[in-house]
Amino acid sequence: MATAVPSSEDETQSKSSTISFISSHKGKQLLIANEYIFKLNKTTTTTKYWKRVVNNCSAKIHTDV
């Protein structure tokens, strides 16, 4: 399950997200959610933390492992 953390401008959007995965040109896993691209930032035993690929964007997603 994934939980999108909305920014102030995205709060009016639907909470449900379409999520898919692709590989970067370096072979790293990328998460696609609502047409936004996230890279894996951190992994724990229960959660993966993703952050936006775009610099200066604070959007993050947490997923269950």
N, C-alpha and C. Protein backbone atom coordinates (compact mmCIF):
# COMPACT_ATOMS: atom_id res chain seq x y z
N MET A 1 0.84 -1.18 0.00
CA MET A 1 0.00 0.00 0.00
C MET A 1 0.88 1.23 0.00
N ALA A 2 0.46 2.27 -0.67
CA ALA A 2 1.21 3.51 -0.74
C ALA A 2 0.35 4.65 -0.24
N THR A 3 0.99 5.58 0.42
CA THR A 3 0.30 6.77 0.89
C THR A 3 0.99 7.98 0.30
N ALA A 4 0.28 8.75 -0.48
CA ALA A 4 0.84 9.97 -1.05
C ALA A 4 0.69 11.09 -0.03
N VAL A 5 1.75 11.83 0.18
CA VAL A 5 1.72 12.97 1.08
C VAL A 5 1.52 14.20 0.22
N PRO A 6 0.30 14.78 0.25
CA PRO A 6 0.02 15.90 -0.66
C PRO A 6 0.72 17.18 -0.24
N SER A 7 1.13 17.96 -1.21
CA SER A 7 1.63 19.30 -0.92
C SER A 7 0.42 20.21 -0.82
N SER A 8 0.62 21.44 -0.42
CA SER A 8 -0.51 22.36 -0.23
C SER A 8 -1.30 22.56 -1.52
N GLU A 9 -0.64 22.53 -2.68
CA GLU A 9 -1.35 22.75 -3.93
C GLU A 9 -2.08 21.50 -4.41
N ASP A 10 -1.75 20.32 -3.87
CA ASP A 10 -2.36 19.07 -4.31
C ASP A 10 -3.47 18.58 -3.38
N GLU A 11 -3.80 19.31 -2.33
CA GLU A 11 -4.75 18.84 -1.33
C GLU A 11 -6.14 18.62 -1.88
N THR A 12 -6.50 19.24 -2.97
CA THR A 12 -7.83 19.07 -3.53
C THR A 12 -7.92 17.88 -4.47
N GLN A 13 -6.79 17.25 -4.79
CA GLN A 13 -6.80 16.10 -5.68
C GLN A 13 -7.26 14.86 -4.94
N SER A 14 -7.67 13.86 -5.71
CA SER A 14 -8.11 12.58 -5.15
C SER A 14 -6.97 11.93 -4.38
N LYS A 15 -7.30 11.22 -3.30
CA LYS A 15 -6.30 10.54 -2.49
C LYS A 15 -5.85 9.23 -3.11
N SER A 16 -6.63 8.64 -4.03
CA SER A 16 -6.22 7.38 -4.65
C SER A 16 -5.22 7.66 -5.76
N SER A 17 -4.23 6.80 -5.87
CA SER A 17 -3.16 6.99 -6.84
C SER A 17 -2.99 5.76 -7.70
N THR A 18 -2.61 5.97 -8.95
CA THR A 18 -2.19 4.89 -9.81
C THR A 18 -0.68 4.81 -9.69
N ILE A 19 -0.17 3.64 -9.29
CA ILE A 19 1.26 3.48 -9.05
C ILE A 19 1.83 2.44 -9.98
N SER A 20 2.98 2.75 -10.58
CA SER A 20 3.71 1.78 -11.40
C SER A 20 5.20 1.99 -11.17
N PHE A 21 6.00 1.07 -11.68
CA PHE A 21 7.44 1.14 -11.50
C PHE A 21 8.14 1.04 -12.85
N ILE A 22 9.25 1.77 -12.98
CA ILE A 22 10.11 1.67 -14.14
C ILE A 22 11.55 1.64 -13.65
N SER A 23 12.48 1.38 -14.55
CA SER A 23 13.91 1.42 -14.21
C SER A 23 14.53 2.66 -14.84
N SER A 24 15.42 3.29 -14.09
CA SER A 24 16.16 4.43 -14.63
C SER A 24 17.21 3.93 -15.61
N HIS A 25 17.86 4.85 -16.31
CA HIS A 25 18.91 4.45 -17.23
C HIS A 25 20.12 3.86 -16.50
N LYS A 26 20.20 4.08 -15.17
CA LYS A 26 21.26 3.48 -14.36
C LYS A 26 20.81 2.18 -13.69
N GLY A 27 19.58 1.74 -14.00
CA GLY A 27 19.07 0.49 -13.45
C GLY A 27 18.41 0.61 -12.09
N LYS A 28 18.22 1.81 -11.60
CA LYS A 28 17.56 2.03 -10.30
C LYS A 28 16.04 2.00 -10.48
N GLN A 29 15.34 1.54 -9.44
CA GLN A 29 13.89 1.47 -9.49
C GLN A 29 13.30 2.86 -9.26
N LEU A 30 12.34 3.25 -10.11
CA LEU A 30 11.62 4.51 -9.97
C LEU A 30 10.14 4.21 -9.81
N LEU A 31 9.47 4.98 -8.99
CA LEU A 31 8.03 4.83 -8.76
C LEU A 31 7.32 5.96 -9.51
N ILE A 32 6.27 5.61 -10.23
CA ILE A 32 5.45 6.60 -10.93
C ILE A 32 4.09 6.65 -10.24
N ALA A 33 3.71 7.83 -9.76
CA ALA A 33 2.42 8.01 -9.09
C ALA A 33 1.78 9.29 -9.63
N ASN A 34 0.61 9.15 -10.23
CA ASN A 34 -0.10 10.30 -10.79
C ASN A 34 0.80 11.13 -11.71
N GLU A 35 1.55 10.45 -12.55
CA GLU A 35 2.43 11.06 -13.55
C GLU A 35 3.64 11.78 -12.95
N TYR A 36 3.91 11.60 -11.66
CA TYR A 36 5.10 12.15 -11.02
C TYR A 36 6.09 11.02 -10.79
N ILE A 37 7.38 11.31 -10.93
CA ILE A 37 8.42 10.30 -10.79
C ILE A 37 9.12 10.48 -9.44
N PHE A 38 9.27 9.35 -8.72
CA PHE A 38 9.92 9.33 -7.42
C PHE A 38 11.07 8.34 -7.44
N LYS A 39 12.16 8.67 -6.73
CA LYS A 39 13.27 7.73 -6.60
C LYS A 39 13.32 7.22 -5.17
N LEU A 40 13.85 6.01 -5.00
CA LEU A 40 13.94 5.40 -3.68
C LEU A 40 14.96 6.18 -2.86
N ASN A 41 14.53 6.65 -1.71
CA ASN A 41 15.38 7.46 -0.84
C ASN A 41 15.94 6.64 0.31
N LYS A 42 15.11 5.74 0.89
CA LYS A 42 15.51 4.99 2.08
C LYS A 42 14.64 3.75 2.19
N THR A 43 15.21 2.66 2.72
CA THR A 43 14.45 1.43 2.95
C THR A 43 14.67 0.97 4.38
N THR A 44 13.57 0.61 5.07
CA THR A 44 13.66 -0.03 6.38
C THR A 44 13.07 -1.43 6.23
N THR A 45 12.97 -2.17 7.31
CA THR A 45 12.43 -3.53 7.23
C THR A 45 10.96 -3.55 6.86
N THR A 46 10.24 -2.46 7.08
CA THR A 46 8.80 -2.45 6.81
C THR A 46 8.35 -1.40 5.79
N THR A 47 9.20 -0.43 5.49
CA THR A 47 8.76 0.71 4.66
C THR A 47 9.84 1.13 3.67
N LYS A 48 9.38 1.56 2.49
CA LYS A 48 10.27 2.21 1.52
C LYS A 48 9.85 3.67 1.44
N TYR A 49 10.83 4.55 1.44
CA TYR A 49 10.59 5.99 1.38
C TYR A 49 11.06 6.50 0.03
N TRP A 50 10.17 7.17 -0.67
CA TRP A 50 10.44 7.69 -2.01
C TRP A 50 10.35 9.20 -1.99
N LYS A 51 11.19 9.87 -2.79
CA LYS A 51 11.09 11.33 -2.91
C LYS A 51 11.11 11.72 -4.38
N ARG A 52 10.51 12.87 -4.67
CA ARG A 52 10.40 13.35 -6.05
C ARG A 52 11.76 13.50 -6.68
N VAL A 53 11.84 13.19 -7.96
CA VAL A 53 13.08 13.33 -8.72
C VAL A 53 13.40 14.80 -8.96
N VAL A 54 12.39 15.64 -9.05
CA VAL A 54 12.57 17.07 -9.31
C VAL A 54 13.17 17.74 -8.07
N ASN A 55 14.26 18.49 -8.28
CA ASN A 55 14.89 19.21 -7.17
C ASN A 55 13.94 20.29 -6.64
N ASN A 56 14.07 20.59 -5.37
CA ASN A 56 13.27 21.61 -4.69
C ASN A 56 11.80 21.26 -4.59
N CYS A 57 11.45 19.99 -4.74
CA CYS A 57 10.07 19.55 -4.53
C CYS A 57 10.06 18.69 -3.27
N SER A 58 9.15 18.94 -2.37
CA SER A 58 9.13 18.23 -1.09
C SER A 58 8.17 17.04 -1.06
N ALA A 59 7.58 16.68 -2.19
CA ALA A 59 6.62 15.57 -2.21
C ALA A 59 7.34 14.25 -1.91
N LYS A 60 6.71 13.42 -1.07
CA LYS A 60 7.26 12.14 -0.68
C LYS A 60 6.16 11.09 -0.64
N ILE A 61 6.56 9.83 -0.80
CA ILE A 61 5.64 8.70 -0.71
C ILE A 61 6.28 7.64 0.18
N HIS A 62 5.47 7.00 1.01
CA HIS A 62 5.93 5.89 1.83
C HIS A 62 5.16 4.66 1.39
N THR A 63 5.85 3.54 1.15
CA THR A 63 5.19 2.30 0.75
C THR A 63 5.58 1.17 1.69
N ASP A 64 4.67 0.21 1.87
CA ASP A 64 4.98 -0.99 2.64
C ASP A 64 5.88 -1.87 1.80
N VAL A 65 6.82 -2.53 2.46
CA VAL A 65 7.72 -3.43 1.73
C VAL A 65 7.01 -4.73 1.43
